[in-house]
């Protein structure tokens, strides 16, 4: 008979030091579960990552990865993209949704890169957030994964999990970022983001987390919000955890899952 797991108890008046220790322990456990954690957008250079991240709003990384090969074949550089015919670009990125607004952003940021940055993606937060369609989340993704500059990516998964773990009760992404930055050293920011997002996509889902299949369940103060039966929980696992393809068509060599299929593939 499996040992009963109970939710981790967090004192109402938890000290900052206790919070830091608890959060860092969860991060260490996640590092063992996801040693291969990585950005789930396919890219070959900073420009491709920037464009893919803008496209990822309100859709999955999988759909973006299935869409960008044709997009980058047509517009491989900021100069090429800035000169694109809007209607033609809209058709290429239509599968990602909100294609008219995204086309406007991509044309604007490409023109800005061409005119203000010599056709190169800048490696500073203050420059990136000035580009059309680029906020702090997108800027931190690009900085952390294309330039090696530490950044915390507060997407919906990250925000949900840090609140479930009671690292913070903040809802505003900028405030969440500030709180988490105070808990972890800069050297951990980028990989912490990947691990937390991986966990949110694979196990700790929004509507029905797979609590009974969660490797950090004993550390989680919200354990029991989802399915606690191990067999039922196992059926909720996604991507490589459930034996299915991941989101990247071209995943890293150490990724244990299956590559995602191209757009239109059976």
C-alpha atoms as a PDB file:
ATOM      1  CA  UNK A   1       0.000   0.000   0.000  1.00  0.00           C
ATOM      2  CA  UNK A   2       1.388   3.396  -0.993  1.00  0.00           C
ATOM      3  CA  UNK A   3       2.339   5.720   1.845  1.00  0.00           C
ATOM      4  CA  UNK A   4      -0.172   8.511   2.306  1.00  0.00           C
ATOM      5  CA  UNK A   5       1.157  11.905   1.264  1.00  0.00           C
ATOM      6  CA  UNK A   6       0.023  15.020   3.080  1.00  0.00           C
ATOM      7  CA  UNK A   7       0.321  18.641   2.024  1.00  0.00           C
ATOM      8  CA  UNK A   8       3.438  20.349   3.334  1.00  0.00           C
ATOM      9  CA  UNK A   9       2.543  22.692   6.184  1.00  0.00           C
ATOM     10  CA  UNK A  10       3.630  26.282   5.785  1.00  0.00           C
ATOM     11  CA  UNK A  11       3.406  28.412   8.954  1.00  0.00           C
ATOM     12  CA  UNK A  12       1.184  31.476   8.563  1.00  0.00           C
ATOM     13  CA  UNK A  13       4.040  33.581   9.878  1.00  0.00           C
ATOM     14  CA  UNK A  14       6.798  31.885   7.878  1.00  0.00           C
ATOM     15  CA  UNK A  15      10.038  33.838   8.142  1.00  0.00           C
ATOM     16  CA  UNK A  16      11.788  35.030   5.001  1.00  0.00           C
ATOM     17  CA  UNK A  17      14.711  32.717   5.751  1.00  0.00           C
ATOM     18  CA  UNK A  18      12.395  29.703   6.077  1.00  0.00           C
ATOM     19  CA  UNK A  19      10.685  30.659   2.810  1.00  0.00           C
ATOM     20  CA  UNK A  20      14.019  30.930   1.023  1.00  0.00           C
ATOM     21  CA  UNK A  21      15.151  27.530   2.291  1.00  0.00           C
ATOM     22  CA  UNK A  22      11.862  25.885   1.301  1.00  0.00           C
ATOM     23  CA  UNK A  23      11.829  27.473  -2.162  1.00  0.00           C
ATOM     24  CA  UNK A  24      15.423  26.541  -2.878  1.00  0.00           C
ATOM     25  CA  UNK A  25      14.775  22.956  -1.827  1.00  0.00           C
ATOM     26  CA  UNK A  26      11.914  22.740  -4.325  1.00  0.00           C
ATOM     27  CA  UNK A  27      14.198  24.157  -6.999  1.00  0.00           C
ATOM     28  CA  UNK A  28      16.852  21.524  -6.231  1.00  0.00           C
ATOM     29  CA  UNK A  29      14.239  18.764  -6.487  1.00  0.00           C
ATOM     30  CA  UNK A  30      12.981  20.145  -9.809  1.00  0.00           C
ATOM     31  CA  UNK A  31      16.562  20.221 -11.103  1.00  0.00           C
ATOM     32  CA  UNK A  32      16.747  16.467 -10.520  1.00  0.00           C
ATOM     33  CA  UNK A  33      13.380  15.847 -12.184  1.00  0.00           C
ATOM     34  CA  UNK A  34      14.115  18.070 -15.206  1.00  0.00           C
ATOM     35  CA  UNK A  35      17.898  18.092 -15.772  1.00  0.00           C
ATOM     36  CA  UNK A  36      17.117  18.677 -19.451  1.00  0.00           C
ATOM     37  CA  UNK A  37      14.804  21.686 -18.917  1.00  0.00           C
ATOM     38  CA  UNK A  38      15.166  24.160 -21.783  1.00  0.00           C
ATOM     39  CA  UNK A  39      13.272  26.819 -23.751  1.00  0.00           C
ATOM     40  CA  UNK A  40      10.507  25.061 -25.667  1.00  0.00           C
ATOM     41  CA  UNK A  41      10.646  27.322 -28.699  1.00  0.00           C
ATOM     42  CA  UNK A  42      12.760  26.289 -31.685  1.00  0.00           C
ATOM     43  CA  UNK A  43      15.323  28.964 -32.598  1.00  0.00           C
ATOM     44  CA  UNK A  44      18.777  29.300 -34.126  1.00  0.00           C
ATOM     45  CA  UNK A  45      19.620  32.902 -33.225  1.00  0.00           C
ATOM     46  CA  UNK A  46      18.363  35.795 -31.050  1.00  0.00           C
ATOM     47  CA  UNK A  47      16.118  37.158 -33.808  1.00  0.00           C
ATOM     48  CA  UNK A  48      14.305  33.851 -34.249  1.00  0.00           C
ATOM     49  CA  UNK A  49      13.827  33.502 -30.498  1.00  0.00           C
ATOM     50  CA  UNK A  50      12.483  37.048 -30.244  1.00  0.00           C
ATOM     51  CA  UNK A  51       9.983  36.484 -33.052  1.00  0.00           C
ATOM     52  CA  UNK A  52       8.930  33.068 -31.741  1.00  0.00           C
ATOM     53  CA  UNK A  53       8.372  34.449 -28.254  1.00  0.00           C
ATOM     54  CA  UNK A  54       6.159  37.242 -29.582  1.00  0.00           C
ATOM     55  CA  UNK A  55       4.174  34.653 -31.546  1.00  0.00           C
ATOM     56  CA  UNK A  56       3.765  32.447 -28.463  1.00  0.00           C
ATOM     57  CA  UNK A  57       1.258  34.815 -26.832  1.00  0.00           C
ATOM     58  CA  UNK A  58      -2.151  33.145 -26.431  1.00  0.00           C
ATOM     59  CA  UNK A  59      -1.046  29.911 -28.093  1.00  0.00           C
ATOM     60  CA  UNK A  60       1.203  26.907 -27.477  1.00  0.00           C
ATOM     61  CA  UNK A  61       4.917  26.713 -28.155  1.00  0.00           C
ATOM     62  CA  UNK A  62       4.118  23.662 -30.270  1.00  0.00           C
ATOM     63  CA  UNK A  63       1.929  25.677 -32.635  1.00  0.00           C
ATOM     64  CA  UNK A  64       4.610  28.366 -32.859  1.00  0.00           C
ATOM     65  CA  UNK A  65       7.291  25.784 -33.634  1.00  0.00           C
ATOM     66  CA  UNK A  66       5.111  24.321 -36.366  1.00  0.00           C
ATOM     67  CA  UNK A  67       4.617  27.784 -37.860  1.00  0.00           C
ATOM     68  CA  UNK A  68       8.057  29.413 -37.721  1.00  0.00           C
ATOM     69  CA  UNK A  69       9.930  27.231 -40.265  1.00  0.00           C
ATOM     70  CA  UNK A  70       7.956  28.723 -43.152  1.00  0.00           C
ATOM     71  CA  UNK A  71       8.071  32.183 -41.580  1.00  0.00           C
ATOM     72  CA  UNK A  72      11.864  32.206 -41.211  1.00  0.00           C
ATOM     73  CA  UNK A  73      12.324  30.707 -44.661  1.00  0.00           C
ATOM     74  CA  UNK A  74      10.440  33.706 -46.052  1.00  0.00           C
ATOM     75  CA  UNK A  75      11.960  36.338 -43.740  1.00  0.00           C
ATOM     76  CA  UNK A  76      15.309  35.171 -42.331  1.00  0.00           C
ATOM     77  CA  UNK A  77      16.500  38.619 -41.150  1.00  0.00           C
ATOM     78  CA  UNK A  78      14.962  41.727 -39.550  1.00  0.00           C
ATOM     79  CA  UNK A  79      15.489  43.566 -42.846  1.00  0.00           C
ATOM     80  CA  UNK A  80      13.552  40.900 -44.733  1.00  0.00           C
ATOM     81  CA  UNK A  81      10.729  40.859 -42.196  1.00  0.00           C
ATOM     82  CA  UNK A  82      10.456  44.640 -42.033  1.00  0.00           C
ATOM     83  CA  UNK A  83       9.853  44.677 -45.805  1.00  0.00           C
ATOM     84  CA  UNK A  84       7.192  41.956 -45.710  1.00  0.00           C
ATOM     85  CA  UNK A  85       3.749  42.440 -47.225  1.00  0.00           C
ATOM     86  CA  UNK A  86       1.446  42.382 -44.157  1.00  0.00           C
ATOM     87  CA  UNK A  87      -1.199  40.171 -45.762  1.00  0.00           C
ATOM     88  CA  UNK A  88       1.397  37.584 -46.757  1.00  0.00           C
ATOM     89  CA  UNK A  89       2.852  37.469 -43.255  1.00  0.00           C
ATOM     90  CA  UNK A  90      -0.627  37.171 -41.759  1.00  0.00           C
ATOM     91  CA  UNK A  91      -1.246  34.012 -43.752  1.00  0.00           C
ATOM     92  CA  UNK A  92       2.035  32.472 -42.575  1.00  0.00           C
ATOM     93  CA  UNK A  93       1.379  33.094 -38.890  1.00  0.00           C
ATOM     94  CA  UNK A  94      -2.400  32.584 -38.949  1.00  0.00           C
ATOM     95  CA  UNK A  95      -2.141  29.237 -37.038  1.00  0.00           C
ATOM     96  CA  UNK A  96      -0.811  31.064 -33.956  1.00  0.00           C
ATOM     97  CA  UNK A  97      -3.950  33.167 -33.563  1.00  0.00           C
ATOM     98  CA  UNK A  98      -4.291  36.954 -33.242  1.00  0.00           C
ATOM     99  CA  UNK A  99      -2.317  37.038 -36.484  1.00  0.00           C
ATOM    100  CA  UNK A 100      -3.148  40.634 -37.438  1.00  0.00           C
ATOM    101  CA  UNK A 101      -1.944  42.080 -34.134  1.00  0.00           C
ATOM    102  CA  UNK A 102       1.119  39.814 -34.161  1.00  0.00           C
ATOM    103  CA  UNK A 103       1.949  40.816 -37.737  1.00  0.00           C
ATOM    104  CA  UNK A 104       1.824  44.468 -36.707  1.00  0.00           C
ATOM    105  CA  UNK A 105       4.188  43.769 -33.799  1.00  0.00           C
ATOM    106  CA  UNK A 106       6.626  41.744 -35.933  1.00  0.00           C
ATOM    107  CA  UNK A 107       6.733  44.396 -38.654  1.00  0.00           C
ATOM    108  CA  UNK A 108       7.292  47.088 -36.039  1.00  0.00           C
ATOM    109  CA  UNK A 109      10.007  45.294 -34.083  1.00  0.00           C
ATOM    110  CA  UNK A 110      11.797  44.247 -37.270  1.00  0.00           C
ATOM    111  CA  UNK A 111      11.798  47.828 -38.539  1.00  0.00           C
ATOM    112  CA  UNK A 112      13.103  49.005 -35.159  1.00  0.00           C
ATOM    113  CA  UNK A 113      15.891  46.413 -35.225  1.00  0.00           C
ATOM    114  CA  UNK A 114      16.798  47.505 -38.755  1.00  0.00           C
ATOM    115  CA  UNK A 115      16.669  51.235 -38.095  1.00  0.00           C
ATOM    116  CA  UNK A 116      17.833  51.538 -34.486  1.00  0.00           C
ATOM    117  CA  UNK A 117      20.039  48.521 -33.801  1.00  0.00           C
ATOM    118  CA  UNK A 118      21.825  47.776 -37.061  1.00  0.00           C
ATOM    119  CA  UNK A 119      19.692  44.704 -37.727  1.00  0.00           C
ATOM    120  CA  UNK A 120      20.795  43.025 -34.473  1.00  0.00           C
ATOM    121  CA  UNK A 121      18.722  42.077 -31.436  1.00  0.00           C
ATOM    122  CA  UNK A 122      19.946  44.147 -28.464  1.00  0.00           C
ATOM    123  CA  UNK A 123      21.160  42.335 -25.376  1.00  0.00           C
ATOM    124  CA  UNK A 124      19.782  44.772 -22.799  1.00  0.00           C
ATOM    125  CA  UNK A 125      16.392  44.684 -21.098  1.00  0.00           C
ATOM    126  CA  UNK A 126      15.867  48.416 -21.429  1.00  0.00           C
ATOM    127  CA  UNK A 127      16.334  48.203 -25.205  1.00  0.00           C
ATOM    128  CA  UNK A 128      14.261  45.081 -25.751  1.00  0.00           C
ATOM    129  CA  UNK A 129      11.157  46.385 -23.969  1.00  0.00           C
ATOM    130  CA  UNK A 130      11.102  49.399 -26.298  1.00  0.00           C
ATOM    131  CA  UNK A 131      10.424  47.123 -29.275  1.00  0.00           C
ATOM    132  CA  UNK A 132       6.773  46.755 -30.404  1.00  0.00           C
ATOM    133  CA  UNK A 133       5.075  43.755 -28.801  1.00  0.00           C
ATOM    134  CA  UNK A 134       7.961  43.085 -26.393  1.00  0.00           C
ATOM    135  CA  UNK A 135       7.374  43.187 -22.628  1.00  0.00           C
ATOM    136  CA  UNK A 136       9.474  42.054 -19.683  1.00  0.00           C
ATOM    137  CA  UNK A 137       8.500  38.397 -20.066  1.00  0.00           C
ATOM    138  CA  UNK A 138       9.587  38.257 -23.705  1.00  0.00           C
ATOM    139  CA  UNK A 139      12.717  40.276 -22.963  1.00  0.00           C
ATOM    140  CA  UNK A 140      13.748  37.922 -20.156  1.00  0.00           C
ATOM    141  CA  UNK A 141      13.215  34.873 -22.390  1.00  0.00           C
ATOM    142  CA  UNK A 142      15.513  36.357 -25.028  1.00  0.00           C
ATOM    143  CA  UNK A 143      18.129  37.580 -22.564  1.00  0.00           C
ATOM    144  CA  UNK A 144      18.306  34.320 -20.651  1.00  0.00           C
ATOM    145  CA  UNK A 145      18.348  31.963 -23.612  1.00  0.00           C
ATOM    146  CA  UNK A 146      20.028  33.893 -26.426  1.00  0.00           C
ATOM    147  CA  UNK A 147      22.476  36.043 -24.469  1.00  0.00           C
ATOM    148  CA  UNK A 148      23.091  34.172 -21.224  1.00  0.00           C
ATOM    149  CA  UNK A 149      21.846  37.121 -19.163  1.00  0.00           C
ATOM    150  CA  UNK A 150      19.891  35.852 -16.119  1.00  0.00           C
ATOM    151  CA  UNK A 151      16.167  36.520 -16.248  1.00  0.00           C
ATOM    152  CA  UNK A 152      12.954  35.279 -14.612  1.00  0.00           C
ATOM    153  CA  UNK A 153      10.146  34.411 -17.015  1.00  0.00           C
ATOM    154  CA  UNK A 154       6.817  34.949 -15.298  1.00  0.00           C
ATOM    155  CA  UNK A 155       4.278  33.307 -17.598  1.00  0.00           C
ATOM    156  CA  UNK A 156       0.936  31.846 -16.515  1.00  0.00           C
ATOM    157  CA  UNK A 157       2.521  28.538 -15.449  1.00  0.00           C
ATOM    158  CA  UNK A 158       5.241  30.210 -13.393  1.00  0.00           C
ATOM    159  CA  UNK A 159       2.803  32.529 -11.638  1.00  0.00           C
ATOM    160  CA  UNK A 160       0.391  29.713 -10.857  1.00  0.00           C
ATOM    161  CA  UNK A 161       3.020  27.445  -9.352  1.00  0.00           C
ATOM    162  CA  UNK A 162       4.827  29.989  -7.201  1.00  0.00           C
ATOM    163  CA  UNK A 163       1.465  30.914  -5.690  1.00  0.00           C
ATOM    164  CA  UNK A 164       0.562  27.236  -5.113  1.00  0.00           C
ATOM    165  CA  UNK A 165       3.893  26.792  -3.374  1.00  0.00           C
ATOM    166  CA  UNK A 166       3.205  29.954  -1.358  1.00  0.00           C
ATOM    167  CA  UNK A 167       6.397  31.666  -2.405  1.00  0.00           C
ATOM    168  CA  UNK A 168       4.234  34.731  -2.985  1.00  0.00           C
ATOM    169  CA  UNK A 169       0.593  35.731  -3.226  1.00  0.00           C
ATOM    170  CA  UNK A 170       1.276  38.490  -5.764  1.00  0.00           C
ATOM    171  CA  UNK A 171      -0.707  38.356  -9.011  1.00  0.00           C
ATOM    172  CA  UNK A 172       1.091  41.064 -10.980  1.00  0.00           C
ATOM    173  CA  UNK A 173       3.920  39.479 -13.053  1.00  0.00           C
ATOM    174  CA  UNK A 174       6.349  42.324 -12.365  1.00  0.00           C
ATOM    175  CA  UNK A 175       5.800  42.014  -8.609  1.00  0.00           C
ATOM    176  CA  UNK A 176       6.108  38.209  -8.814  1.00  0.00           C
ATOM    177  CA  UNK A 177       9.401  38.630 -10.646  1.00  0.00           C
ATOM    178  CA  UNK A 178      10.709  40.970  -7.939  1.00  0.00           C
ATOM    179  CA  UNK A 179       9.750  38.594  -5.132  1.00  0.00           C
ATOM    180  CA  UNK A 180      11.340  35.551  -6.769  1.00  0.00           C
ATOM    181  CA  UNK A 181      14.465  37.520  -7.643  1.00  0.00           C
ATOM    182  CA  UNK A 182      14.886  38.177  -3.925  1.00  0.00           C
ATOM    183  CA  UNK A 183      14.675  34.453  -3.104  1.00  0.00           C
ATOM    184  CA  UNK A 184      17.142  33.037  -5.639  1.00  0.00           C
ATOM    185  CA  UNK A 185      20.623  34.092  -6.784  1.00  0.00           C
ATOM    186  CA  UNK A 186      20.848  35.495 -10.307  1.00  0.00           C
ATOM    187  CA  UNK A 187      22.722  32.416 -11.474  1.00  0.00           C
ATOM    188  CA  UNK A 188      19.538  30.360 -10.951  1.00  0.00           C
ATOM    189  CA  UNK A 189      16.979  32.679 -12.544  1.00  0.00           C
ATOM    190  CA  UNK A 190      16.928  31.336 -16.095  1.00  0.00           C
ATOM    191  CA  UNK A 191      17.011  27.633 -15.226  1.00  0.00           C
ATOM    192  CA  UNK A 192      14.536  28.100 -12.380  1.00  0.00           C
ATOM    193  CA  UNK A 193      12.126  29.561 -14.932  1.00  0.00           C
ATOM    194  CA  UNK A 194      12.540  26.557 -17.233  1.00  0.00           C
ATOM    195  CA  UNK A 195      12.067  24.039 -14.416  1.00  0.00           C
ATOM    196  CA  UNK A 196       8.961  25.685 -13.004  1.00  0.00           C
ATOM    197  CA  UNK A 197       7.374  26.097 -16.455  1.00  0.00           C
ATOM    198  CA  UNK A 198       8.234  22.495 -17.353  1.00  0.00           C
ATOM    199  CA  UNK A 199       6.552  21.320 -14.160  1.00  0.00           C
ATOM    200  CA  UNK A 200       3.486  23.439 -14.807  1.00  0.00           C
ATOM    201  CA  UNK A 201       3.068  22.081 -18.316  1.00  0.00           C
ATOM    202  CA  UNK A 202       3.678  18.450 -17.489  1.00  0.00           C
ATOM    203  CA  UNK A 203       2.348  17.795 -14.002  1.00  0.00           C
ATOM    204  CA  UNK A 204       1.023  20.795 -12.068  1.00  0.00           C
ATOM    205  CA  UNK A 205      -1.735  21.744 -14.493  1.00  0.00           C
ATOM    206  CA  UNK A 206      -4.130  24.604 -13.975  1.00  0.00           C
ATOM    207  CA  UNK A 207      -7.458  22.804 -13.725  1.00  0.00           C
ATOM    208  CA  UNK A 208      -6.435  19.348 -12.577  1.00  0.00           C
ATOM    209  CA  UNK A 209      -2.877  18.955 -11.318  1.00  0.00           C
ATOM    210  CA  UNK A 210      -1.520  15.412 -11.214  1.00  0.00           C
ATOM    211  CA  UNK A 211      -0.754  15.496  -7.491  1.00  0.00           C
ATOM    212  CA  UNK A 212      -0.556  11.720  -7.162  1.00  0.00           C
ATOM    213  CA  UNK A 213       2.212  11.552  -9.773  1.00  0.00           C
ATOM    214  CA  UNK A 214       4.130  14.602  -8.607  1.00  0.00           C
ATOM    215  CA  UNK A 215       7.738  13.994  -7.497  1.00  0.00           C
ATOM    216  CA  UNK A 216       7.720  17.060  -5.238  1.00  0.00           C
ATOM    217  CA  UNK A 217       4.332  16.338  -3.649  1.00  0.00           C
ATOM    218  CA  UNK A 218       5.764  16.053  -0.091  1.00  0.00           C
ATOM    219  CA  UNK A 219       7.095  19.618  -0.428  1.00  0.00           C
ATOM    220  CA  UNK A 220       3.885  21.129  -1.799  1.00  0.00           C
ATOM    221  CA  UNK A 221       1.515  23.026   0.530  1.00  0.00           C
ATOM    222  CA  UNK A 222      -1.226  22.729  -2.109  1.00  0.00           C
ATOM    223  CA  UNK A 223      -1.010  18.944  -2.471  1.00  0.00           C
ATOM    224  CA  UNK A 224      -4.512  17.533  -2.863  1.00  0.00           C
ATOM    225  CA  UNK A 225      -5.906  20.285  -5.074  1.00  0.00           C
ATOM    226  CA  UNK A 226      -5.696  17.800  -7.931  1.00  0.00           C
ATOM    227  CA  UNK A 227      -5.944  14.041  -8.476  1.00  0.00           C
ATOM    228  CA  UNK A 228      -4.127  12.179  -5.689  1.00  0.00           C
ATOM    229  CA  UNK A 229      -4.730   8.608  -6.877  1.00  0.00           C
ATOM    230  CA  UNK A 230      -1.380   7.574  -8.458  1.00  0.00           C
ATOM    231  CA  UNK A 231      -2.908   5.618 -11.345  1.00  0.00           C
ATOM    232  CA  UNK A 232      -5.431   8.302 -12.233  1.00  0.00           C
ATOM    233  CA  UNK A 233      -2.818  11.029 -11.828  1.00  0.00           C
ATOM    234  CA  UNK A 234      -0.412   9.206 -14.154  1.00  0.00           C
ATOM    235  CA  UNK A 235      -2.986   9.483 -16.929  1.00  0.00           C
ATOM    236  CA  UNK A 236      -2.888  13.284 -16.600  1.00  0.00           C
ATOM    237  CA  UNK A 237       0.837  13.572 -17.321  1.00  0.00           C
ATOM    238  CA  UNK A 238       1.746  15.431 -20.494  1.00  0.00           C
ATOM    239  CA  UNK A 239       4.605  15.489 -22.995  1.00  0.00           C
ATOM    240  CA  UNK A 240       7.547  13.203 -22.218  1.00  0.00           C
ATOM    241  CA  UNK A 241       6.216  12.497 -18.726  1.00  0.00           C
ATOM    242  CA  UNK A 242       3.222  10.799 -20.313  1.00  0.00           C
ATOM    243  CA  UNK A 243       5.189   9.254 -23.166  1.00  0.00           C
ATOM    244  CA  UNK A 244       4.083  11.811 -25.747  1.00  0.00           C
ATOM    245  CA  UNK A 245       5.972  14.204 -28.069  1.00  0.00           C
ATOM    246  CA  UNK A 246       7.249  17.459 -26.657  1.00  0.00           C
ATOM    247  CA  UNK A 247       6.646  20.919 -28.083  1.00  0.00           C
ATOM    248  CA  UNK A 248       9.851  21.289 -30.101  1.00  0.00           C
ATOM    249  CA  UNK A 249      10.326  19.959 -33.607  1.00  0.00           C
ATOM    250  CA  UNK A 250      14.091  20.192 -32.964  1.00  0.00           C
ATOM    251  CA  UNK A 251      14.638  19.471 -29.247  1.00  0.00           C
ATOM    252  CA  UNK A 252      18.056  19.431 -27.560  1.00  0.00           C
ATOM    253  CA  UNK A 253      20.081  16.248 -27.881  1.00  0.00           C
ATOM    254  CA  UNK A 254      19.548  15.325 -24.214  1.00  0.00           C
ATOM    255  CA  UNK A 255      15.752  15.698 -24.319  1.00  0.00           C
ATOM    256  CA  UNK A 256      14.224  12.319 -23.339  1.00  0.00           C
ATOM    257  CA  UNK A 257      10.944  12.807 -25.191  1.00  0.00           C
ATOM    258  CA  UNK A 258       9.866  12.574 -28.795  1.00  0.00           C
ATOM    259  CA  UNK A 259      10.184  15.503 -31.233  1.00  0.00           C
ATOM    260  CA  UNK A 260       6.904  17.216 -32.073  1.00  0.00           C
ATOM    261  CA  UNK A 261       5.397  16.648 -35.541  1.00  0.00           C
ATOM    262  CA  UNK A 262       5.544  19.301 -38.242  1.00  0.00           C
ATOM    263  CA  UNK A 263       2.409  21.273 -39.099  1.00  0.00           C
ATOM    264  CA  UNK A 264      -0.023  19.066 -40.993  1.00  0.00           C
ATOM    265  CA  UNK A 265       1.819  15.842 -40.169  1.00  0.00           C
ATOM    266  CA  UNK A 266      -0.261  12.819 -39.268  1.00  0.00           C
END
